[in-house]
Amino acid sequence: VGLDVIGVPTSEVTRADAERCGIRLT
């Protein structure tokens, strides 16, 4: 709904969850 953030995942599991949820990653 518009929150602009970027994340660094701490595991491959979290990376997959974040991508599924539409969170930008770096």
mmCIF file of all heavy atoms, coordinates in Angstrom:
data_MODEL
# 
_entry.id   MODEL 
# 
loop_
_atom_site.group_PDB 
_atom_site.id 
_atom_site.type_symbol 
_atom_site.label_atom_id 
_atom_site.label_alt_id 
_atom_site.label_comp_id 
_atom_site.label_asym_id 
_atom_site.label_entity_id 
_atom_site.label_seq_id 
_atom_site.pdbx_PDB_ins_code 
_atom_site.Cartn_x 
_atom_site.Cartn_y 
_atom_site.Cartn_z 
_atom_site.occupancy 
_atom_site.B_iso_or_equiv 
_atom_site.pdbx_formal_charge 
_atom_site.auth_seq_id 
_atom_site.auth_comp_id 
_atom_site.auth_asym_id 
_atom_site.auth_atom_id 
_atom_site.pdbx_PDB_model_num 
ATOM 1   N N   . VAL A 1 1  ? 0.828  -1.213  0.000  1.00 0.00 ? 1  VAL A N   1 
ATOM 2   C CA  . VAL A 1 1  ? 0.000  0.000   0.000  1.00 0.00 ? 1  VAL A CA  1 
ATOM 3   C C   . VAL A 1 1  ? 0.862  1.262   0.000  1.00 0.00 ? 1  VAL A C   1 
ATOM 4   O O   . VAL A 1 1  ? 0.386  2.353   0.327  1.00 0.00 ? 1  VAL A O   1 
ATOM 5   C CB  . VAL A 1 1  ? -0.987 0.013   1.194  1.00 0.00 ? 1  VAL A CB  1 
ATOM 6   C CG1 . VAL A 1 1  ? -1.986 -1.113  1.063  1.00 0.00 ? 1  VAL A CG1 1 
ATOM 7   C CG2 . VAL A 1 1  ? -0.256 -0.057  2.532  1.00 0.00 ? 1  VAL A CG2 1 
ATOM 8   N N   . GLY A 1 2  ? 2.143  1.101   -0.365 1.00 0.00 ? 2  GLY A N   1 
ATOM 9   C CA  . GLY A 1 2  ? 2.944  2.286   -0.637 1.00 0.00 ? 2  GLY A CA  1 
ATOM 10  C C   . GLY A 1 2  ? 4.154  2.554   0.234  1.00 0.00 ? 2  GLY A C   1 
ATOM 11  O O   . GLY A 1 2  ? 4.893  3.511   -0.026 1.00 0.00 ? 2  GLY A O   1 
ATOM 12  N N   . LEU A 1 3  ? 4.411  1.761   1.285  1.00 0.00 ? 3  LEU A N   1 
ATOM 13  C CA  . LEU A 1 3  ? 5.587  2.003   2.116  1.00 0.00 ? 3  LEU A CA  1 
ATOM 14  C C   . LEU A 1 3  ? 6.850  1.704   1.314  1.00 0.00 ? 3  LEU A C   1 
ATOM 15  O O   . LEU A 1 3  ? 7.005  0.605   0.758  1.00 0.00 ? 3  LEU A O   1 
ATOM 16  C CB  . LEU A 1 3  ? 5.547  1.134   3.375  1.00 0.00 ? 3  LEU A CB  1 
ATOM 17  C CG  . LEU A 1 3  ? 6.734  1.298   4.334  1.00 0.00 ? 3  LEU A CG  1 
ATOM 18  C CD1 . LEU A 1 3  ? 6.725  2.683   4.965  1.00 0.00 ? 3  LEU A CD1 1 
ATOM 19  C CD2 . LEU A 1 3  ? 6.710  0.222   5.424  1.00 0.00 ? 3  LEU A CD2 1 
ATOM 20  N N   . ASP A 1 4  ? 7.770  2.660   1.272  1.00 0.00 ? 4  ASP A N   1 
ATOM 21  C CA  . ASP A 1 4  ? 9.002  2.519   0.499  1.00 0.00 ? 4  ASP A CA  1 
ATOM 22  C C   . ASP A 1 4  ? 10.162 2.189   1.433  1.00 0.00 ? 4  ASP A C   1 
ATOM 23  O O   . ASP A 1 4  ? 10.674 3.062   2.138  1.00 0.00 ? 4  ASP A O   1 
ATOM 24  C CB  . ASP A 1 4  ? 9.293  3.810   -0.271 1.00 0.00 ? 4  ASP A CB  1 
ATOM 25  C CG  . ASP A 1 4  ? 10.577 3.711   -1.085 1.00 0.00 ? 4  ASP A CG  1 
ATOM 26  O OD1 . ASP A 1 4  ? 10.953 2.578   -1.455 1.00 0.00 ? 4  ASP A OD1 1 
ATOM 27  O OD2 . ASP A 1 4  ? 11.200 4.759   -1.331 1.00 0.00 ? 4  ASP A OD2 1 
ATOM 28  N N   . VAL A 1 5  ? 10.547 0.930   1.469  1.00 0.00 ? 5  VAL A N   1 
ATOM 29  C CA  . VAL A 1 5  ? 11.696 0.493   2.256  1.00 0.00 ? 5  VAL A CA  1 
ATOM 30  C C   . VAL A 1 5  ? 12.495 -0.486  1.405  1.00 0.00 ? 5  VAL A C   1 
ATOM 31  O O   . VAL A 1 5  ? 12.049 -0.948  0.358  1.00 0.00 ? 5  VAL A O   1 
ATOM 32  C CB  . VAL A 1 5  ? 11.277 -0.205  3.583  1.00 0.00 ? 5  VAL A CB  1 
ATOM 33  C CG1 . VAL A 1 5  ? 10.584 0.776   4.508  1.00 0.00 ? 5  VAL A CG1 1 
ATOM 34  C CG2 . VAL A 1 5  ? 10.405 -1.423  3.297  1.00 0.00 ? 5  VAL A CG2 1 
ATOM 35  N N   . ILE A 1 6  ? 13.691 -0.803  1.893  1.00 0.00 ? 6  ILE A N   1 
ATOM 36  C CA  . ILE A 1 6  ? 14.502 -1.819  1.233  1.00 0.00 ? 6  ILE A CA  1 
ATOM 37  C C   . ILE A 1 6  ? 15.121 -2.691  2.317  1.00 0.00 ? 6  ILE A C   1 
ATOM 38  O O   . ILE A 1 6  ? 15.435 -2.203  3.410  1.00 0.00 ? 6  ILE A O   1 
ATOM 39  C CB  . ILE A 1 6  ? 15.584 -1.174  0.336  1.00 0.00 ? 6  ILE A CB  1 
ATOM 40  C CG1 . ILE A 1 6  ? 16.227 -2.225  -0.571 1.00 0.00 ? 6  ILE A CG1 1 
ATOM 41  C CG2 . ILE A 1 6  ? 16.614 -0.405  1.153  1.00 0.00 ? 6  ILE A CG2 1 
ATOM 42  C CD1 . ILE A 1 6  ? 17.011 -1.622  -1.719 1.00 0.00 ? 6  ILE A CD1 1 
ATOM 43  N N   . GLY A 1 7  ? 15.247 -3.986  2.053  1.00 0.00 ? 7  GLY A N   1 
ATOM 44  C CA  . GLY A 1 7  ? 15.678 -4.910  3.086  1.00 0.00 ? 7  GLY A CA  1 
ATOM 45  C C   . GLY A 1 7  ? 16.885 -5.731  2.697  1.00 0.00 ? 7  GLY A C   1 
ATOM 46  O O   . GLY A 1 7  ? 17.161 -5.955  1.516  1.00 0.00 ? 7  GLY A O   1 
ATOM 47  N N   . VAL A 1 8  ? 17.601 -6.187  3.719  1.00 0.00 ? 8  VAL A N   1 
ATOM 48  C CA  . VAL A 1 8  ? 18.688 -7.157  3.560  1.00 0.00 ? 8  VAL A CA  1 
ATOM 49  C C   . VAL A 1 8  ? 18.279 -8.411  4.323  1.00 0.00 ? 8  VAL A C   1 
ATOM 50  O O   . VAL A 1 8  ? 18.160 -8.374  5.553  1.00 0.00 ? 8  VAL A O   1 
ATOM 51  C CB  . VAL A 1 8  ? 20.018 -6.614  4.103  1.00 0.00 ? 8  VAL A CB  1 
ATOM 52  C CG1 . VAL A 1 8  ? 21.090 -7.705  4.076  1.00 0.00 ? 8  VAL A CG1 1 
ATOM 53  C CG2 . VAL A 1 8  ? 20.487 -5.417  3.284  1.00 0.00 ? 8  VAL A CG2 1 
ATOM 54  N N   . PRO A 1 9  ? 18.037 -9.513  3.636  1.00 0.00 ? 9  PRO A N   1 
ATOM 55  C CA  . PRO A 1 9  ? 17.608 -10.742 4.319  1.00 0.00 ? 9  PRO A CA  1 
ATOM 56  C C   . PRO A 1 9  ? 18.785 -11.448 4.980  1.00 0.00 ? 9  PRO A C   1 
ATOM 57  O O   . PRO A 1 9  ? 19.921 -11.380 4.497  1.00 0.00 ? 9  PRO A O   1 
ATOM 58  C CB  . PRO A 1 9  ? 17.028 -11.591 3.187  1.00 0.00 ? 9  PRO A CB  1 
ATOM 59  C CG  . PRO A 1 9  ? 17.771 -11.138 1.967  1.00 0.00 ? 9  PRO A CG  1 
ATOM 60  C CD  . PRO A 1 9  ? 18.064 -9.680  2.174  1.00 0.00 ? 9  PRO A CD  1 
ATOM 61  N N   . THR A 1 10 ? 18.506 -12.149 6.073  1.00 0.00 ? 10 THR A N   1 
ATOM 62  C CA  . THR A 1 10 ? 19.550 -12.857 6.811  1.00 0.00 ? 10 THR A CA  1 
ATOM 63  C C   . THR A 1 10 ? 19.645 -14.333 6.453  1.00 0.00 ? 10 THR A C   1 
ATOM 64  O O   . THR A 1 10 ? 20.432 -15.063 7.067  1.00 0.00 ? 10 THR A O   1 
ATOM 65  C CB  . THR A 1 10 ? 19.323 -12.708 8.327  1.00 0.00 ? 10 THR A CB  1 
ATOM 66  O OG1 . THR A 1 10 ? 18.002 -13.167 8.644  1.00 0.00 ? 10 THR A OG1 1 
ATOM 67  C CG2 . THR A 1 10 ? 19.471 -11.267 8.770  1.00 0.00 ? 10 THR A CG2 1 
ATOM 68  N N   . SER A 1 11 ? 18.865 -14.791 5.496  1.00 0.00 ? 11 SER A N   1 
ATOM 69  C CA  . SER A 1 11 ? 18.926 -16.189 5.066  1.00 0.00 ? 11 SER A CA  1 
ATOM 70  C C   . SER A 1 11 ? 18.260 -16.308 3.711  1.00 0.00 ? 11 SER A C   1 
ATOM 71  O O   . SER A 1 11 ? 17.522 -15.412 3.279  1.00 0.00 ? 11 SER A O   1 
ATOM 72  C CB  . SER A 1 11 ? 18.231 -17.107 6.073  1.00 0.00 ? 11 SER A CB  1 
ATOM 73  O OG  . SER A 1 11 ? 16.837 -16.863 6.084  1.00 0.00 ? 11 SER A OG  1 
ATOM 74  N N   . GLU A 1 12 ? 18.499 -17.423 3.058  1.00 0.00 ? 12 GLU A N   1 
ATOM 75  C CA  . GLU A 1 12 ? 17.835 -17.670 1.789  1.00 0.00 ? 12 GLU A CA  1 
ATOM 76  C C   . GLU A 1 12 ? 16.337 -17.885 1.989  1.00 0.00 ? 12 GLU A C   1 
ATOM 77  O O   . GLU A 1 12 ? 15.531 -17.541 1.118  1.00 0.00 ? 12 GLU A O   1 
ATOM 78  C CB  . GLU A 1 12 ? 18.477 -18.875 1.089  1.00 0.00 ? 12 GLU A CB  1 
ATOM 79  C CG  . GLU A 1 12 ? 19.925 -18.635 0.680  1.00 0.00 ? 12 GLU A CG  1 
ATOM 80  C CD  . GLU A 1 12 ? 20.102 -17.379 -0.160 1.00 0.00 ? 12 GLU A CD  1 
ATOM 81  O OE1 . GLU A 1 12 ? 19.351 -17.228 -1.153 1.00 0.00 ? 12 GLU A OE1 1 
ATOM 82  O OE2 . GLU A 1 12 ? 20.962 -16.545 0.171  1.00 0.00 ? 12 GLU A OE2 1 
ATOM 83  N N   . VAL A 1 13 ? 15.949 -18.444 3.127  1.00 0.00 ? 13 VAL A N   1 
ATOM 84  C CA  . VAL A 1 13 ? 14.525 -18.609 3.430  1.00 0.00 ? 13 VAL A CA  1 
ATOM 85  C C   . VAL A 1 13 ? 13.845 -17.248 3.532  1.00 0.00 ? 13 VAL A C   1 
ATOM 86  O O   . VAL A 1 13 ? 12.766 -17.013 2.958  1.00 0.00 ? 13 VAL A O   1 
ATOM 87  C CB  . VAL A 1 13 ? 14.337 -19.419 4.724  1.00 0.00 ? 13 VAL A CB  1 
ATOM 88  C CG1 . VAL A 1 13 ? 12.874 -19.383 5.179  1.00 0.00 ? 13 VAL A CG1 1 
ATOM 89  C CG2 . VAL A 1 13 ? 14.785 -20.860 4.530  1.00 0.00 ? 13 VAL A CG2 1 
ATOM 90  N N   . THR A 1 14 ? 14.468 -16.328 4.259  1.00 0.00 ? 14 THR A N   1 
ATOM 91  C CA  . THR A 1 14 ? 13.894 -14.989 4.389  1.00 0.00 ? 14 THR A CA  1 
ATOM 92  C C   . THR A 1 14 ? 13.903 -14.261 3.058  1.00 0.00 ? 14 THR A C   1 
ATOM 93  O O   . THR A 1 14 ? 12.959 -13.516 2.744  1.00 0.00 ? 14 THR A O   1 
ATOM 94  C CB  . THR A 1 14 ? 14.660 -14.182 5.455  1.00 0.00 ? 14 THR A CB  1 
ATOM 95  O OG1 . THR A 1 14 ? 14.514 -14.838 6.720  1.00 0.00 ? 14 THR A OG1 1 
ATOM 96  C CG2 . THR A 1 14 ? 14.129 -12.764 5.572  1.00 0.00 ? 14 THR A CG2 1 
ATOM 97  N N   . ARG A 1 15 ? 14.938 -14.456 2.261  1.00 0.00 ? 15 ARG A N   1 
ATOM 98  C CA  . ARG A 1 15 ? 14.966 -13.840 0.937  1.00 0.00 ? 15 ARG A CA  1 
ATOM 99  C C   . ARG A 1 15 ? 13.729 -14.269 0.120  1.00 0.00 ? 15 ARG A C   1 
ATOM 100 O O   . ARG A 1 15 ? 13.046 -13.436 -0.481 1.00 0.00 ? 15 ARG A O   1 
ATOM 101 C CB  . ARG A 1 15 ? 16.234 -14.237 0.184  1.00 0.00 ? 15 ARG A CB  1 
ATOM 102 C CG  . ARG A 1 15 ? 16.282 -13.705 -1.262 1.00 0.00 ? 15 ARG A CG  1 
ATOM 103 C CD  . ARG A 1 15 ? 17.523 -14.177 -1.983 1.00 0.00 ? 15 ARG A CD  1 
ATOM 104 N NE  . ARG A 1 15 ? 18.708 -13.700 -1.303 1.00 0.00 ? 15 ARG A NE  1 
ATOM 105 C CZ  . ARG A 1 15 ? 19.204 -12.473 -1.419 1.00 0.00 ? 15 ARG A CZ  1 
ATOM 106 N NH1 . ARG A 1 15 ? 18.592 -11.599 -2.204 1.00 0.00 ? 15 ARG A NH1 1 
ATOM 107 N NH2 . ARG A 1 15 ? 20.286 -12.127 -0.771 1.00 0.00 ? 15 ARG A NH2 1 
ATOM 108 N N   . ALA A 1 16 ? 13.445 -15.548 0.128  1.00 0.00 ? 16 ALA A N   1 
ATOM 109 C CA  . ALA A 1 16 ? 12.291 -16.053 -0.622 1.00 0.00 ? 16 ALA A CA  1 
ATOM 110 C C   . ALA A 1 16 ? 10.988 -15.481 -0.078 1.00 0.00 ? 16 ALA A C   1 
ATOM 111 O O   . ALA A 1 16 ? 10.097 -15.091 -0.851 1.00 0.00 ? 16 ALA A O   1 
ATOM 112 C CB  . ALA A 1 16 ? 12.270 -17.577 -0.586 1.00 0.00 ? 16 ALA A CB  1 
ATOM 113 N N   . ASP A 1 17 ? 10.864 -15.401 1.249  1.00 0.00 ? 17 ASP A N   1 
ATOM 114 C CA  . ASP A 1 17 ? 9.646  -14.838 1.851  1.00 0.00 ? 17 ASP A CA  1 
ATOM 115 C C   . ASP A 1 17 ? 9.484  -13.362 1.464  1.00 0.00 ? 17 ASP A C   1 
ATOM 116 O O   . ASP A 1 17 ? 8.383  -12.913 1.132  1.00 0.00 ? 17 ASP A O   1 
ATOM 117 C CB  . ASP A 1 17 ? 9.702  -14.957 3.377  1.00 0.00 ? 17 ASP A CB  1 
ATOM 118 C CG  . ASP A 1 17 ? 9.481  -16.375 3.865  1.00 0.00 ? 17 ASP A CG  1 
ATOM 119 O OD1 . ASP A 1 17 ? 8.929  -17.191 3.091  1.00 0.00 ? 17 ASP A OD1 1 
ATOM 120 O OD2 . ASP A 1 17 ? 9.859  -16.676 5.015  1.00 0.00 ? 17 ASP A OD2 1 
ATOM 121 N N   . ALA A 1 18 ? 10.579 -12.608 1.530  1.00 0.00 ? 18 ALA A N   1 
ATOM 122 C CA  . ALA A 1 18 ? 10.516 -11.179 1.220  1.00 0.00 ? 18 ALA A CA  1 
ATOM 123 C C   . ALA A 1 18 ? 10.172 -10.950 -0.247 1.00 0.00 ? 18 ALA A C   1 
ATOM 124 O O   . ALA A 1 18 ? 9.372  -10.055 -0.579 1.00 0.00 ? 18 ALA A O   1 
ATOM 125 C CB  . ALA A 1 18 ? 11.844 -10.512 1.571  1.00 0.00 ? 18 ALA A CB  1 
ATOM 126 N N   . GLU A 1 19 ? 10.755 -11.734 -1.112 1.00 0.00 ? 19 GLU A N   1 
ATOM 127 C CA  . GLU A 1 19 ? 10.434 -11.599 -2.536 1.00 0.00 ? 19 GLU A CA  1 
ATOM 128 C C   . GLU A 1 19 ? 8.968  -11.920 -2.790 1.00 0.00 ? 19 GLU A C   1 
ATOM 129 O O   . GLU A 1 19 ? 8.291  -11.237 -3.566 1.00 0.00 ? 19 GLU A O   1 
ATOM 130 C CB  . GLU A 1 19 ? 11.346 -12.507 -3.354 1.00 0.00 ? 19 GLU A CB  1 
ATOM 131 C CG  . GLU A 1 19 ? 12.793 -12.014 -3.409 1.00 0.00 ? 19 GLU A CG  1 
ATOM 132 C CD  . GLU A 1 19 ? 13.724 -12.985 -4.098 1.00 0.00 ? 19 GLU A CD  1 
ATOM 133 O OE1 . GLU A 1 19 ? 13.336 -14.169 -4.274 1.00 0.00 ? 19 GLU A OE1 1 
ATOM 134 O OE2 . GLU A 1 19 ? 14.842 -12.576 -4.454 1.00 0.00 ? 19 GLU A OE2 1 
ATOM 135 N N   . ARG A 1 20 ? 8.476  -12.950 -2.129 1.00 0.00 ? 20 ARG A N   1 
ATOM 136 C CA  . ARG A 1 20 ? 7.060  -13.310 -2.276 1.00 0.00 ? 20 ARG A CA  1 
ATOM 137 C C   . ARG A 1 20 ? 6.153  -12.182 -1.801 1.00 0.00 ? 20 ARG A C   1 
ATOM 138 O O   . ARG A 1 20 ? 5.060  -11.969 -2.366 1.00 0.00 ? 20 ARG A O   1 
ATOM 139 C CB  . ARG A 1 20 ? 6.782  -14.595 -1.484 1.00 0.00 ? 20 ARG A CB  1 
ATOM 140 C CG  . ARG A 1 20 ? 5.321  -14.998 -1.424 1.00 0.00 ? 20 ARG A CG  1 
ATOM 141 C CD  . ARG A 1 20 ? 5.153  -16.328 -0.694 1.00 0.00 ? 20 ARG A CD  1 
ATOM 142 N NE  . ARG A 1 20 ? 5.790  -16.340 0.614  1.00 0.00 ? 20 ARG A NE  1 
ATOM 143 C CZ  . ARG A 1 20 ? 5.249  -15.820 1.718  1.00 0.00 ? 20 ARG A CZ  1 
ATOM 144 N NH1 . ARG A 1 20 ? 4.061  -15.242 1.658  1.00 0.00 ? 20 ARG A NH1 1 
ATOM 145 N NH2 . ARG A 1 20 ? 5.893  -15.884 2.870  1.00 0.00 ? 20 ARG A NH2 1 
ATOM 146 N N   . CYS A 1 21 ? 6.591  -11.445 -0.779 1.00 0.00 ? 21 CYS A N   1 
ATOM 147 C CA  . CYS A 1 21 ? 5.792  -10.359 -0.215 1.00 0.00 ? 21 CYS A CA  1 
ATOM 148 C C   . CYS A 1 21 ? 6.012  -9.031  -0.941 1.00 0.00 ? 21 CYS A C   1 
ATOM 149 O O   . CYS A 1 21 ? 5.416  -8.015  -0.556 1.00 0.00 ? 21 CYS A O   1 
ATOM 150 C CB  . CYS A 1 21 ? 6.118  -10.189 1.268  1.00 0.00 ? 21 CYS A CB  1 
ATOM 151 S SG  . CYS A 1 21 ? 5.574  -11.565 2.300  1.00 0.00 ? 21 CYS A SG  1 
ATOM 152 N N   . GLY A 1 22 ? 6.854  -9.019  -1.964 1.00 0.00 ? 22 GLY A N   1 
ATOM 153 C CA  . GLY A 1 22 ? 7.048  -7.808  -2.755 1.00 0.00 ? 22 GLY A CA  1 
ATOM 154 C C   . GLY A 1 22 ? 7.976  -6.776  -2.143 1.00 0.00 ? 22 GLY A C   1 
ATOM 155 O O   . GLY A 1 22 ? 7.941  -5.596  -2.528 1.00 0.00 ? 22 GLY A O   1 
ATOM 156 N N   . ILE A 1 23 ? 8.840  -7.176  -1.216 1.00 0.00 ? 23 ILE A N   1 
ATOM 157 C CA  . ILE A 1 23 ? 9.757  -6.245  -0.555 1.00 0.00 ? 23 ILE A CA  1 
ATOM 158 C C   . ILE A 1 23 ? 11.035 -6.122  -1.384 1.00 0.00 ? 23 ILE A C   1 
ATOM 159 O O   . ILE A 1 23 ? 11.656 -7.130  -1.754 1.00 0.00 ? 23 ILE A O   1 
ATOM 160 C CB  . ILE A 1 23 ? 10.091 -6.744  0.869  1.00 0.00 ? 23 ILE A CB  1 
ATOM 161 C CG1 . ILE A 1 23 ? 8.812  -6.833  1.703  1.00 0.00 ? 23 ILE A CG1 1 
ATOM 162 C CG2 . ILE A 1 23 ? 11.111 -5.821  1.536  1.00 0.00 ? 23 ILE A CG2 1 
ATOM 163 C CD1 . ILE A 1 23 ? 8.990  -7.588  3.013  1.00 0.00 ? 23 ILE A CD1 1 
ATOM 164 N N   . ARG A 1 24 ? 11.444 -4.899  -1.674 1.00 0.00 ? 24 ARG A N   1 
ATOM 165 C CA  . ARG A 1 24 ? 12.696 -4.674  -2.405 1.00 0.00 ? 24 ARG A CA  1 
ATOM 166 C C   . ARG A 1 24 ? 13.873 -5.118  -1.539 1.00 0.00 ? 24 ARG A C   1 
ATOM 167 O O   . ARG A 1 24 ? 13.893 -4.857  -0.330 1.00 0.00 ? 24 ARG A O   1 
ATOM 168 C CB  . ARG A 1 24 ? 12.877 -3.195  -2.750 1.00 0.00 ? 24 ARG A CB  1 
ATOM 169 C CG  . ARG A 1 24 ? 12.001 -2.682  -3.851 1.00 0.00 ? 24 ARG A CG  1 
ATOM 170 C CD  . ARG A 1 24 ? 12.515 -1.333  -4.355 1.00 0.00 ? 24 ARG A CD  1 
ATOM 171 N NE  . ARG A 1 24 ? 12.606 -0.343  -3.288 1.00 0.00 ? 24 ARG A NE  1 
ATOM 172 C CZ  . ARG A 1 24 ? 13.685 0.418   -3.064 1.00 0.00 ? 24 ARG A CZ  1 
ATOM 173 N NH1 . ARG A 1 24 ? 14.783 0.254   -3.774 1.00 0.00 ? 24 ARG A NH1 1 
ATOM 174 N NH2 . ARG A 1 24 ? 13.663 1.323   -2.089 1.00 0.00 ? 24 ARG A NH2 1 
ATOM 175 N N   . LEU A 1 25 ? 14.858 -5.743  -2.169 1.00 0.00 ? 25 LEU A N   1 
ATOM 176 C CA  . LEU A 1 25 ? 15.998 -6.267  -1.426 1.00 0.00 ? 25 LEU A CA  1 
ATOM 177 C C   . LEU A 1 25 ? 17.310 -5.720  -1.980 1.00 0.00 ? 25 LEU A C   1 
ATOM 178 O O   . LEU A 1 25 ? 17.412 -5.345  -3.146 1.00 0.00 ? 25 LEU A O   1 
ATOM 179 C CB  . LEU A 1 25 ? 16.019 -7.800  -1.490 1.00 0.00 ? 25 LEU A CB  1 
ATOM 180 C CG  . LEU A 1 25 ? 14.810 -8.515  -0.874 1.00 0.00 ? 25 LEU A CG  1 
ATOM 181 C CD1 . LEU A 1 25 ? 14.941 -10.019 -1.065 1.00 0.00 ? 25 LEU A CD1 1 
ATOM 182 C CD2 . LEU A 1 25 ? 14.657 -8.165  0.604  1.00 0.00 ? 25 LEU A CD2 1 
ATOM 183 N N   . THR A 1 26 ? 18.307 -5.702  -1.106 1.00 0.00 ? 26 THR A N   1 
ATOM 184 C CA  . THR A 1 26 ? 19.650 -5.296  -1.491 1.00 0.00 ? 26 THR A CA  1 
ATOM 185 C C   . THR A 1 26 ? 20.641 -6.142  -0.703 1.00 0.00 ? 26 THR A C   1 
ATOM 186 O O   . THR A 1 26 ? 20.254 -7.127  -0.067 1.00 0.00 ? 26 THR A O   1 
ATOM 187 C CB  . THR A 1 26 ? 19.859 -3.786  -1.250 1.00 0.00 ? 26 THR A CB  1 
ATOM 188 O OG1 . THR A 1 26 ? 21.139 -3.400  -1.767 1.00 0.00 ? 26 THR A OG1 1 
ATOM 189 C CG2 . THR A 1 26 ? 19.785 -3.438  0.234  1.00 0.00 ? 26 THR A CG2 1 
# 
